Amino acid sequence: MNHSFCFYSFFFFGIIFARYFLIAGGAYLLFYLILGKFLVKKSLRLKPPLRRLIWKDVKLSVLSSIVFAFCAAFIILEYDLGVTLLYTDLHKYGLWYLGVSFVSILILQDTYFYFSHRIFHHRLLFKWVHFGHHISGEPTPWNSFAFDLPEAIVQSFFVVSVIFIVPLHFFTLIAVLMTMTIWSVLNHLGFELFPSSFRSHWFGRWFISSTHHSIHHRNYTVHYGLYFTLWDKLLGTQDRNYDNELHSYFAGYTTTFMHKPFSK
């Protein structure tokens, strides 16, 4: 049964914000409140997260969820009109296409994210379109969805446009959105979960880790990717010490605050 844009917007806002709250909140609960004091050596933070900054991240995440909900409502309405390339028959393009299209969209999204993210850091744009994401300084899982309104619109434009360009099964689209959410939370976790052996392996070097993105939150001139390090390497925006495992931004310090979930 077809519904109105308003109905779809409220419906998807509930789903999108619940997804953010459960994944980001669950990660914060697990790594900061339950396991934090046992994972001191894996922490990338120099100071505890501030309660007031977390609330700012959550408020921006509500705004982002509203934007994404509008986009989701638009996608469904366009699908109802039959003008998108979304499909539901698993065998329409073959099962192999599900995997190929999934990987392809991740690569396209990473490319779109890299260049838009890098543009956001231009001195003439940063204050207006990206400052909100960096206002909390060192990231937490709550920071993963915290976008200023212009950035949320730009990032949502990728999904809105790709459904008119690439045939995608609904399962593939949902898998991409879930991967984006989970990977973004991992990037902003504040703990490095990947072992050093993975980050130094030829395969692991192509994936962005918490360390990789935490460096970006301290040095805005490097590390703009979402999933992969490809564009950072090709265009010279990868920290020169990262592949050598020097990690000068984090090496040699020990955190002593992780028994506290946050400061005021």
C-alpha atoms as a PDB file:
ATOM      1  CA  MET A   1       0.000   0.000   0.000  1.00  0.00           C
ATOM      2  CA  ASN A   2       1.331   3.407  -0.965  1.00  0.00           C
ATOM      3  CA  HIS A   3       1.705   6.042   1.738  1.00  0.00           C
ATOM      4  CA  SER A   4       2.385   9.762   1.834  1.00  0.00           C
ATOM      5  CA  PHE A   5       5.788  11.415   1.954  1.00  0.00           C
ATOM      6  CA  CYS A   6       5.044  12.502   5.516  1.00  0.00           C
ATOM      7  CA  PHE A   7       4.261   8.946   6.620  1.00  0.00           C
ATOM      8  CA  TYR A   8       7.413   7.554   5.039  1.00  0.00           C
ATOM      9  CA  SER A   9       9.507  10.349   6.552  1.00  0.00           C
ATOM     10  CA  PHE A  10       8.322   9.623  10.104  1.00  0.00           C
ATOM     11  CA  PHE A  11       8.643   5.888   9.541  1.00  0.00           C
ATOM     12  CA  PHE A  12      12.203   6.067   8.255  1.00  0.00           C
ATOM     13  CA  PHE A  13      13.272   8.626  10.824  1.00  0.00           C
ATOM     14  CA  GLY A  14      12.358   6.120  13.517  1.00  0.00           C
ATOM     15  CA  ILE A  15      14.327   3.367  11.803  1.00  0.00           C
ATOM     16  CA  ILE A  16      17.380   5.505  10.987  1.00  0.00           C
ATOM     17  CA  PHE A  17      17.689   7.118  14.400  1.00  0.00           C
ATOM     18  CA  ALA A  18      17.068   3.809  16.154  1.00  0.00           C
ATOM     19  CA  ARG A  19      19.828   2.240  14.037  1.00  0.00           C
ATOM     20  CA  TYR A  20      22.207   5.036  15.003  1.00  0.00           C
ATOM     21  CA  PHE A  21      21.231   4.930  18.675  1.00  0.00           C
ATOM     22  CA  LEU A  22      21.526   1.155  18.963  1.00  0.00           C
ATOM     23  CA  ILE A  23      24.841   0.816  17.103  1.00  0.00           C
ATOM     24  CA  ALA A  24      26.578   3.979  18.333  1.00  0.00           C
ATOM     25  CA  GLY A  25      25.049   3.748  21.806  1.00  0.00           C
ATOM     26  CA  GLY A  26      25.810   0.052  22.044  1.00  0.00           C
ATOM     27  CA  ALA A  27      29.433   0.652  21.062  1.00  0.00           C
ATOM     28  CA  TYR A  28      29.747   3.460  23.609  1.00  0.00           C
ATOM     29  CA  LEU A  29      28.185   1.344  26.331  1.00  0.00           C
ATOM     30  CA  LEU A  30      30.456  -1.601  25.593  1.00  0.00           C
ATOM     31  CA  PHE A  31      33.781   0.148  25.058  1.00  0.00           C
ATOM     32  CA  TYR A  32      33.480   3.155  27.373  1.00  0.00           C
ATOM     33  CA  LEU A  33      31.254   2.033  30.229  1.00  0.00           C
ATOM     34  CA  ILE A  34      31.835  -1.718  30.445  1.00  0.00           C
ATOM     35  CA  LEU A  35      35.208  -2.586  28.916  1.00  0.00           C
ATOM     36  CA  GLY A  36      36.942   0.810  28.938  1.00  0.00           C
ATOM     37  CA  LYS A  37      39.194   0.209  31.914  1.00  0.00           C
ATOM     38  CA  PHE A  38      40.272  -3.143  30.477  1.00  0.00           C
ATOM     39  CA  LEU A  39      41.151  -1.686  27.069  1.00  0.00           C
ATOM     40  CA  VAL A  40      43.373   1.212  28.120  1.00  0.00           C
ATOM     41  CA  LYS A  41      46.198   0.085  25.821  1.00  0.00           C
ATOM     42  CA  LYS A  42      43.856   0.091  22.835  1.00  0.00           C
ATOM     43  CA  SER A  43      42.511   3.566  23.533  1.00  0.00           C
ATOM     44  CA  LEU A  44      43.374   6.332  21.072  1.00  0.00           C
ATOM     45  CA  ARG A  45      42.135   9.172  23.260  1.00  0.00           C
ATOM     46  CA  LEU A  46      44.242  11.631  25.225  1.00  0.00           C
ATOM     47  CA  LYS A  47      41.346  12.773  27.406  1.00  0.00           C
ATOM     48  CA  PRO A  48      37.897  11.493  28.376  1.00  0.00           C
ATOM     49  CA  PRO A  49      34.874  12.442  26.282  1.00  0.00           C
ATOM     50  CA  LEU A  50      32.888  15.433  27.507  1.00  0.00           C
ATOM     51  CA  ARG A  51      29.200  15.011  28.268  1.00  0.00           C
ATOM     52  CA  ARG A  52      28.216  18.379  26.741  1.00  0.00           C
ATOM     53  CA  LEU A  53      30.014  17.541  23.477  1.00  0.00           C
ATOM     54  CA  ILE A  54      28.369  14.139  23.273  1.00  0.00           C
ATOM     55  CA  TRP A  55      24.983  15.844  23.545  1.00  0.00           C
ATOM     56  CA  LYS A  56      25.946  18.150  20.681  1.00  0.00           C
ATOM     57  CA  ASP A  57      26.854  15.111  18.595  1.00  0.00           C
ATOM     58  CA  VAL A  58      23.511  13.489  19.386  1.00  0.00           C
ATOM     59  CA  LYS A  59      21.603  16.679  18.455  1.00  0.00           C
ATOM     60  CA  LEU A  60      23.416  16.880  15.116  1.00  0.00           C
ATOM     61  CA  SER A  61      22.717  13.184  14.591  1.00  0.00           C
ATOM     62  CA  VAL A  62      18.989  13.829  15.041  1.00  0.00           C
ATOM     63  CA  LEU A  63      19.229  16.500  12.351  1.00  0.00           C
ATOM     64  CA  SER A  64      21.123  14.110  10.060  1.00  0.00           C
ATOM     65  CA  SER A  65      18.540  11.403  10.670  1.00  0.00           C
ATOM     66  CA  ILE A  66      15.776  13.794   9.587  1.00  0.00           C
ATOM     67  CA  VAL A  67      17.617  14.551   6.342  1.00  0.00           C
ATOM     68  CA  PHE A  68      18.275  10.871   5.683  1.00  0.00           C
ATOM     69  CA  ALA A  69      14.631  10.050   6.459  1.00  0.00           C
ATOM     70  CA  PHE A  70      13.456  12.578   3.868  1.00  0.00           C
ATOM     71  CA  CYS A  71      15.789  10.986   1.343  1.00  0.00           C
ATOM     72  CA  ALA A  72      14.552   7.495   2.189  1.00  0.00           C
ATOM     73  CA  ALA A  73      10.948   8.650   1.791  1.00  0.00           C
ATOM     74  CA  PHE A  74      11.799  10.172  -1.585  1.00  0.00           C
ATOM     75  CA  ILE A  75      13.472   6.916  -2.686  1.00  0.00           C
ATOM     76  CA  ILE A  76      10.431   4.819  -1.777  1.00  0.00           C
ATOM     77  CA  LEU A  77       8.048   7.192  -3.518  1.00  0.00           C
ATOM     78  CA  GLU A  78      10.203   7.123  -6.648  1.00  0.00           C
ATOM     79  CA  TYR A  79      10.311   3.333  -6.431  1.00  0.00           C
ATOM     80  CA  ASP A  80       6.519   3.251  -6.207  1.00  0.00           C
ATOM     81  CA  LEU A  81       6.445   5.297  -9.418  1.00  0.00           C
ATOM     82  CA  GLY A  82       8.753   2.766 -11.084  1.00  0.00           C
ATOM     83  CA  VAL A  83      11.437   5.288 -12.024  1.00  0.00           C
ATOM     84  CA  THR A  84      14.356   3.870  -9.979  1.00  0.00           C
ATOM     85  CA  LEU A  85      16.618   0.897 -10.720  1.00  0.00           C
ATOM     86  CA  LEU A  86      15.796  -0.778  -7.404  1.00  0.00           C
ATOM     87  CA  TYR A  87      14.450  -4.308  -7.722  1.00  0.00           C
ATOM     88  CA  THR A  88      13.205  -7.129  -5.476  1.00  0.00           C
ATOM     89  CA  ASP A  89      13.662 -10.288  -7.570  1.00  0.00           C
ATOM     90  CA  LEU A  90      16.889 -11.960  -6.379  1.00  0.00           C
ATOM     91  CA  HIS A  91      17.341 -13.711  -9.727  1.00  0.00           C
ATOM     92  CA  LYS A  92      16.774 -10.708 -11.971  1.00  0.00           C
ATOM     93  CA  TYR A  93      20.520 -10.171 -12.447  1.00  0.00           C
ATOM     94  CA  GLY A  94      21.758 -13.356 -10.797  1.00  0.00           C
ATOM     95  CA  LEU A  95      22.973 -13.942  -7.252  1.00  0.00           C
ATOM     96  CA  TRP A  96      26.556 -13.088  -8.249  1.00  0.00           C
ATOM     97  CA  TYR A  97      25.445  -9.543  -9.015  1.00  0.00           C
ATOM     98  CA  LEU A  98      24.423  -8.963  -5.396  1.00  0.00           C
ATOM     99  CA  GLY A  99      28.046  -9.253  -4.265  1.00  0.00           C
ATOM    100  CA  VAL A 100      29.475  -7.361  -7.236  1.00  0.00           C
ATOM    101  CA  SER A 101      27.019  -4.494  -6.878  1.00  0.00           C
ATOM    102  CA  PHE A 102      27.625  -4.319  -3.119  1.00  0.00           C
ATOM    103  CA  VAL A 103      31.400  -3.976  -3.513  1.00  0.00           C
ATOM    104  CA  SER A 104      30.993  -1.569  -6.429  1.00  0.00           C
ATOM    105  CA  ILE A 105      28.730   0.742  -4.440  1.00  0.00           C
ATOM    106  CA  LEU A 106      31.164   0.747  -1.507  1.00  0.00           C
ATOM    107  CA  ILE A 107      33.974   1.796  -3.865  1.00  0.00           C
ATOM    108  CA  LEU A 108      31.824   4.491  -5.480  1.00  0.00           C
ATOM    109  CA  GLN A 109      30.641   5.744  -2.107  1.00  0.00           C
ATOM    110  CA  ASP A 110      34.175   5.864  -0.757  1.00  0.00           C
ATOM    111  CA  THR A 111      35.248   7.894  -3.791  1.00  0.00           C
ATOM    112  CA  TYR A 112      32.324  10.302  -3.401  1.00  0.00           C
ATOM    113  CA  PHE A 113      32.994  10.614   0.326  1.00  0.00           C
ATOM    114  CA  TYR A 114      36.726  11.252  -0.106  1.00  0.00           C
ATOM    115  CA  PHE A 115      36.351  14.152  -2.518  1.00  0.00           C
ATOM    116  CA  SER A 116      33.345  15.729  -0.802  1.00  0.00           C
ATOM    117  CA  HIS A 117      35.033  15.340   2.592  1.00  0.00           C
ATOM    118  CA  ARG A 118      38.197  16.943   1.298  1.00  0.00           C
ATOM    119  CA  ILE A 119      36.214  19.852  -0.150  1.00  0.00           C
ATOM    120  CA  PHE A 120      34.446  20.303   3.209  1.00  0.00           C
ATOM    121  CA  HIS A 121      37.825  20.964   4.794  1.00  0.00           C
ATOM    122  CA  HIS A 122      38.532  23.914   2.527  1.00  0.00           C
ATOM    123  CA  ARG A 123      39.020  26.981   4.696  1.00  0.00           C
ATOM    124  CA  LEU A 124      36.104  28.774   3.025  1.00  0.00           C
ATOM    125  CA  LEU A 125      33.649  25.922   3.628  1.00  0.00           C
ATOM    126  CA  PHE A 126      34.750  24.163   6.800  1.00  0.00           C
ATOM    127  CA  LYS A 127      33.004  26.480   9.265  1.00  0.00           C
ATOM    128  CA  TRP A 128      29.678  26.229   7.430  1.00  0.00           C
ATOM    129  CA  VAL A 129      29.449  22.601   6.371  1.00  0.00           C
ATOM    130  CA  HIS A 130      31.774  20.442   8.485  1.00  0.00           C
ATOM    131  CA  PHE A 131      32.675  22.163  11.741  1.00  0.00           C
ATOM    132  CA  GLY A 132      29.890  20.420  13.648  1.00  0.00           C
ATOM    133  CA  HIS A 133      31.431  17.031  13.015  1.00  0.00           C
ATOM    134  CA  HIS A 134      34.731  18.137  14.535  1.00  0.00           C
ATOM    135  CA  ILE A 135      33.380  20.173  17.418  1.00  0.00           C
ATOM    136  CA  SER A 136      33.812  17.282  19.851  1.00  0.00           C
ATOM    137  CA  GLY A 137      37.525  17.000  19.059  1.00  0.00           C
ATOM    138  CA  GLU A 138      38.508  13.397  19.577  1.00  0.00           C
ATOM    139  CA  PRO A 139      35.664  11.231  18.288  1.00  0.00           C
ATOM    140  CA  THR A 140      33.344   8.837  20.080  1.00  0.00           C
ATOM    141  CA  PRO A 141      30.768   6.486  18.509  1.00  0.00           C
ATOM    142  CA  TRP A 142      28.154   9.219  19.018  1.00  0.00           C
ATOM    143  CA  ASN A 143      30.164  11.405  16.630  1.00  0.00           C
ATOM    144  CA  SER A 144      29.733   8.992  13.714  1.00  0.00           C
ATOM    145  CA  PHE A 145      26.429  10.516  12.529  1.00  0.00           C
ATOM    146  CA  ALA A 146      27.003  14.114  13.636  1.00  0.00           C
ATOM    147  CA  PHE A 147      26.777  16.230  10.474  1.00  0.00           C
ATOM    148  CA  ASP A 148      25.899  19.826   9.838  1.00  0.00           C
ATOM    149  CA  LEU A 149      22.824  20.255   7.650  1.00  0.00           C
ATOM    150  CA  PRO A 150      24.733  20.979   4.389  1.00  0.00           C
ATOM    151  CA  GLU A 151      26.999  17.973   4.894  1.00  0.00           C
ATOM    152  CA  ALA A 152      24.068  15.675   5.657  1.00  0.00           C
ATOM    153  CA  ILE A 153      22.387  16.790   2.431  1.00  0.00           C
ATOM    154  CA  VAL A 154      25.535  16.262   0.363  1.00  0.00           C
ATOM    155  CA  GLN A 155      26.204  12.821   1.816  1.00  0.00           C
ATOM    156  CA  SER A 156      22.616  11.685   1.336  1.00  0.00           C
ATOM    157  CA  PHE A 157      22.722  12.817  -2.283  1.00  0.00           C
ATOM    158  CA  PHE A 158      24.939   9.845  -3.138  1.00  0.00           C
ATOM    159  CA  VAL A 159      22.317   7.268  -2.187  1.00  0.00           C
ATOM    160  CA  VAL A 160      19.521   9.273  -3.779  1.00  0.00           C
ATOM    161  CA  SER A 161      21.382   9.514  -7.079  1.00  0.00           C
ATOM    162  CA  VAL A 162      22.902   6.027  -7.257  1.00  0.00           C
ATOM    163  CA  ILE A 163      19.512   4.281  -7.325  1.00  0.00           C
ATOM    164  CA  PHE A 164      18.847   5.949 -10.683  1.00  0.00           C
ATOM    165  CA  ILE A 165      22.226   4.895 -12.091  1.00  0.00           C
ATOM    166  CA  VAL A 166      23.029   1.389 -10.814  1.00  0.00           C
ATOM    167  CA  PRO A 167      20.535  -1.511 -10.544  1.00  0.00           C
ATOM    168  CA  LEU A 168      20.389  -2.458  -6.860  1.00  0.00           C
ATOM    169  CA  HIS A 169      18.444  -5.060  -4.980  1.00  0.00           C
ATOM    170  CA  PHE A 170      16.822  -3.733  -1.824  1.00  0.00           C
ATOM    171  CA  PHE A 171      18.948  -6.171   0.198  1.00  0.00           C
ATOM    172  CA  THR A 172      22.081  -4.688  -1.351  1.00  0.00           C
ATOM    173  CA  LEU A 173      20.996  -1.141  -0.571  1.00  0.00           C
ATOM    174  CA  ILE A 174      20.213  -2.071   3.035  1.00  0.00           C
ATOM    175  CA  ALA A 175      23.567  -3.895   3.337  1.00  0.00           C
ATOM    176  CA  VAL A 176      25.400  -0.803   2.075  1.00  0.00           C
ATOM    177  CA  LEU A 177      23.610   1.455   4.565  1.00  0.00           C
ATOM    178  CA  MET A 178      24.302  -0.924   7.458  1.00  0.00           C
ATOM    179  CA  THR A 179      27.956  -1.225   6.440  1.00  0.00           C
ATOM    180  CA  MET A 180      28.232   2.562   6.297  1.00  0.00           C
ATOM    181  CA  THR A 181      26.773   2.935   9.785  1.00  0.00           C
ATOM    182  CA  ILE A 182      28.861   0.195  11.399  1.00  0.00           C
ATOM    183  CA  TRP A 183      32.072   1.265   9.667  1.00  0.00           C
ATOM    184  CA  SER A 184      31.539   4.894  10.617  1.00  0.00           C
ATOM    185  CA  VAL A 185      31.043   3.902  14.255  1.00  0.00           C
ATOM    186  CA  LEU A 186      34.239   1.828  14.142  1.00  0.00           C
ATOM    187  CA  ASN A 187      36.126   4.757  12.601  1.00  0.00           C
ATOM    188  CA  HIS A 188      34.971   7.014  15.446  1.00  0.00           C
ATOM    189  CA  LEU A 189      35.245   4.409  18.185  1.00  0.00           C
ATOM    190  CA  GLY A 190      38.316   5.840  19.899  1.00  0.00           C
ATOM    191  CA  PHE A 191      39.758   2.354  20.311  1.00  0.00           C
ATOM    192  CA  GLU A 192      41.858   0.441  17.820  1.00  0.00           C
ATOM    193  CA  LEU A 193      40.301  -3.002  17.384  1.00  0.00           C
ATOM    194  CA  PHE A 194      42.407  -4.190  14.450  1.00  0.00           C
ATOM    195  CA  PRO A 195      45.680  -5.855  15.493  1.00  0.00           C
ATOM    196  CA  SER A 196      48.860  -4.185  14.248  1.00  0.00           C
ATOM    197  CA  SER A 197      49.508  -7.267  12.113  1.00  0.00           C
ATOM    198  CA  PHE A 198      46.327  -6.573  10.132  1.00  0.00           C
ATOM    199  CA  ARG A 199      47.089  -2.870   9.633  1.00  0.00           C
ATOM    200  CA  SER A 200      50.573  -3.717   8.370  1.00  0.00           C
ATOM    201  CA  HIS A 201      49.420  -6.596   6.134  1.00  0.00           C
ATOM    202  CA  TRP A 202      49.192  -5.826   2.405  1.00  0.00           C
ATOM    203  CA  PHE A 203      45.431  -6.421   2.527  1.00  0.00           C
ATOM    204  CA  GLY A 204      44.758  -4.580   5.768  1.00  0.00           C
ATOM    205  CA  ARG A 205      46.647  -1.495   4.597  1.00  0.00           C
ATOM    206  CA  TRP A 206      43.790  -0.725   2.197  1.00  0.00           C
ATOM    207  CA  PHE A 207      41.168  -0.407   4.936  1.00  0.00           C
ATOM    208  CA  ILE A 208      40.570   2.573   7.186  1.00  0.00           C
ATOM    209  CA  SER A 209      40.880   1.815  10.881  1.00  0.00           C
ATOM    210  CA  SER A 210      40.054   3.759  14.028  1.00  0.00           C
ATOM    211  CA  THR A 211      43.673   4.887  14.203  1.00  0.00           C
ATOM    212  CA  HIS A 212      43.539   6.115  10.622  1.00  0.00           C
ATOM    213  CA  HIS A 213      40.460   8.261  11.227  1.00  0.00           C
ATOM    214  CA  SER A 214      41.473   9.421  14.707  1.00  0.00           C
ATOM    215  CA  ILE A 215      44.579  10.917  13.104  1.00  0.00           C
ATOM    216  CA  HIS A 216      42.256  12.888  10.821  1.00  0.00           C
ATOM    217  CA  HIS A 217      40.433  14.341  13.816  1.00  0.00           C
ATOM    218  CA  ARG A 218      43.776  15.706  15.046  1.00  0.00           C
ATOM    219  CA  ASN A 219      45.266  16.645  11.707  1.00  0.00           C
ATOM    220  CA  TYR A 220      42.671  17.883   9.215  1.00  0.00           C
ATOM    221  CA  THR A 221      45.074  17.731   6.268  1.00  0.00           C
ATOM    222  CA  VAL A 222      45.179  13.925   6.054  1.00  0.00           C
ATOM    223  CA  HIS A 223      42.898  10.873   5.891  1.00  0.00           C
ATOM    224  CA  TYR A 224      39.647  11.745   4.129  1.00  0.00           C
ATOM    225  CA  GLY A 225      38.366   8.287   3.125  1.00  0.00           C
ATOM    226  CA  LEU A 226      35.421   6.323   4.486  1.00  0.00           C
ATOM    227  CA  TYR A 227      36.256   2.647   3.922  1.00  0.00           C
ATOM    228  CA  PHE A 228      39.520   2.481   2.001  1.00  0.00           C
ATOM    229  CA  THR A 229      42.888   4.215   2.008  1.00  0.00           C
ATOM    230  CA  LEU A 230      43.155   4.144  -1.809  1.00  0.00           C
ATOM    231  CA  TRP A 231      42.509   7.825  -2.531  1.00  0.00           C
ATOM    232  CA  ASP A 232      44.571   9.009   0.425  1.00  0.00           C
ATOM    233  CA  LYS A 233      47.508   7.036  -0.939  1.00  0.00           C
ATOM    234  CA  LEU A 234      47.030   8.080  -4.553  1.00  0.00           C
ATOM    235  CA  LEU A 235      46.594  11.783  -3.805  1.00  0.00           C
ATOM    236  CA  GLY A 236      49.159  12.114  -1.036  1.00  0.00           C
ATOM    237  CA  THR A 237      46.789  12.732   1.861  1.00  0.00           C
ATOM    238  CA  GLN A 238      47.823   9.720   3.904  1.00  0.00           C
ATOM    239  CA  ASP A 239      49.996  10.432   6.926  1.00  0.00           C
ATOM    240  CA  ARG A 240      53.508   9.412   5.940  1.00  0.00           C
ATOM    241  CA  ASN A 241      54.039   7.539   9.206  1.00  0.00           C
ATOM    242  CA  TYR A 242      50.858   5.469   9.023  1.00  0.00           C
ATOM    243  CA  ASP A 243      52.064   2.633   6.805  1.00  0.00           C
ATOM    244  CA  ASN A 244      55.344   2.497   8.711  1.00  0.00           C
ATOM    245  CA  GLU A 245      53.343   1.830  11.878  1.00  0.00           C
ATOM    246  CA  LEU A 246      55.017   4.707  13.660  1.00  0.00           C
ATOM    247  CA  HIS A 247      51.643   6.253  14.498  1.00  0.00           C
ATOM    248  CA  SER A 248      53.370   9.251  15.991  1.00  0.00           C
ATOM    249  CA  TYR A 249      50.072  10.752  17.088  1.00  0.00           C
ATOM    250  CA  PHE A 250      49.391   7.922  19.507  1.00  0.00           C
ATOM    251  CA  ALA A 251      52.706   6.244  20.284  1.00  0.00           C
ATOM    252  CA  GLY A 252      54.258   6.375  23.704  1.00  0.00           C
ATOM    253  CA  TYR A 253      51.397   7.534  25.883  1.00  0.00           C
ATOM    254  CA  THR A 254      49.228   5.714  28.378  1.00  0.00           C
ATOM    255  CA  THR A 255      45.707   6.786  29.251  1.00  0.00           C
ATOM    256  CA  THR A 256      44.654   6.676  32.874  1.00  0.00           C
ATOM    257  CA  PHE A 257      41.129   8.025  32.700  1.00  0.00           C
ATOM    258  CA  MET A 258      39.177   5.166  31.189  1.00  0.00           C
ATOM    259  CA  HIS A 259      37.547   4.189  34.463  1.00  0.00           C
ATOM    260  CA  LYS A 260      35.425   7.335  33.904  1.00  0.00           C
ATOM    261  CA  PRO A 261      32.829   7.206  31.112  1.00  0.00           C
ATOM    262  CA  PHE A 262      32.988  10.988  30.489  1.00  0.00           C
ATOM    263  CA  SER A 263      33.770  14.333  32.037  1.00  0.00           C
ATOM    264  CA  LYS A 264      31.355  17.204  32.476  1.00  0.00           C
END
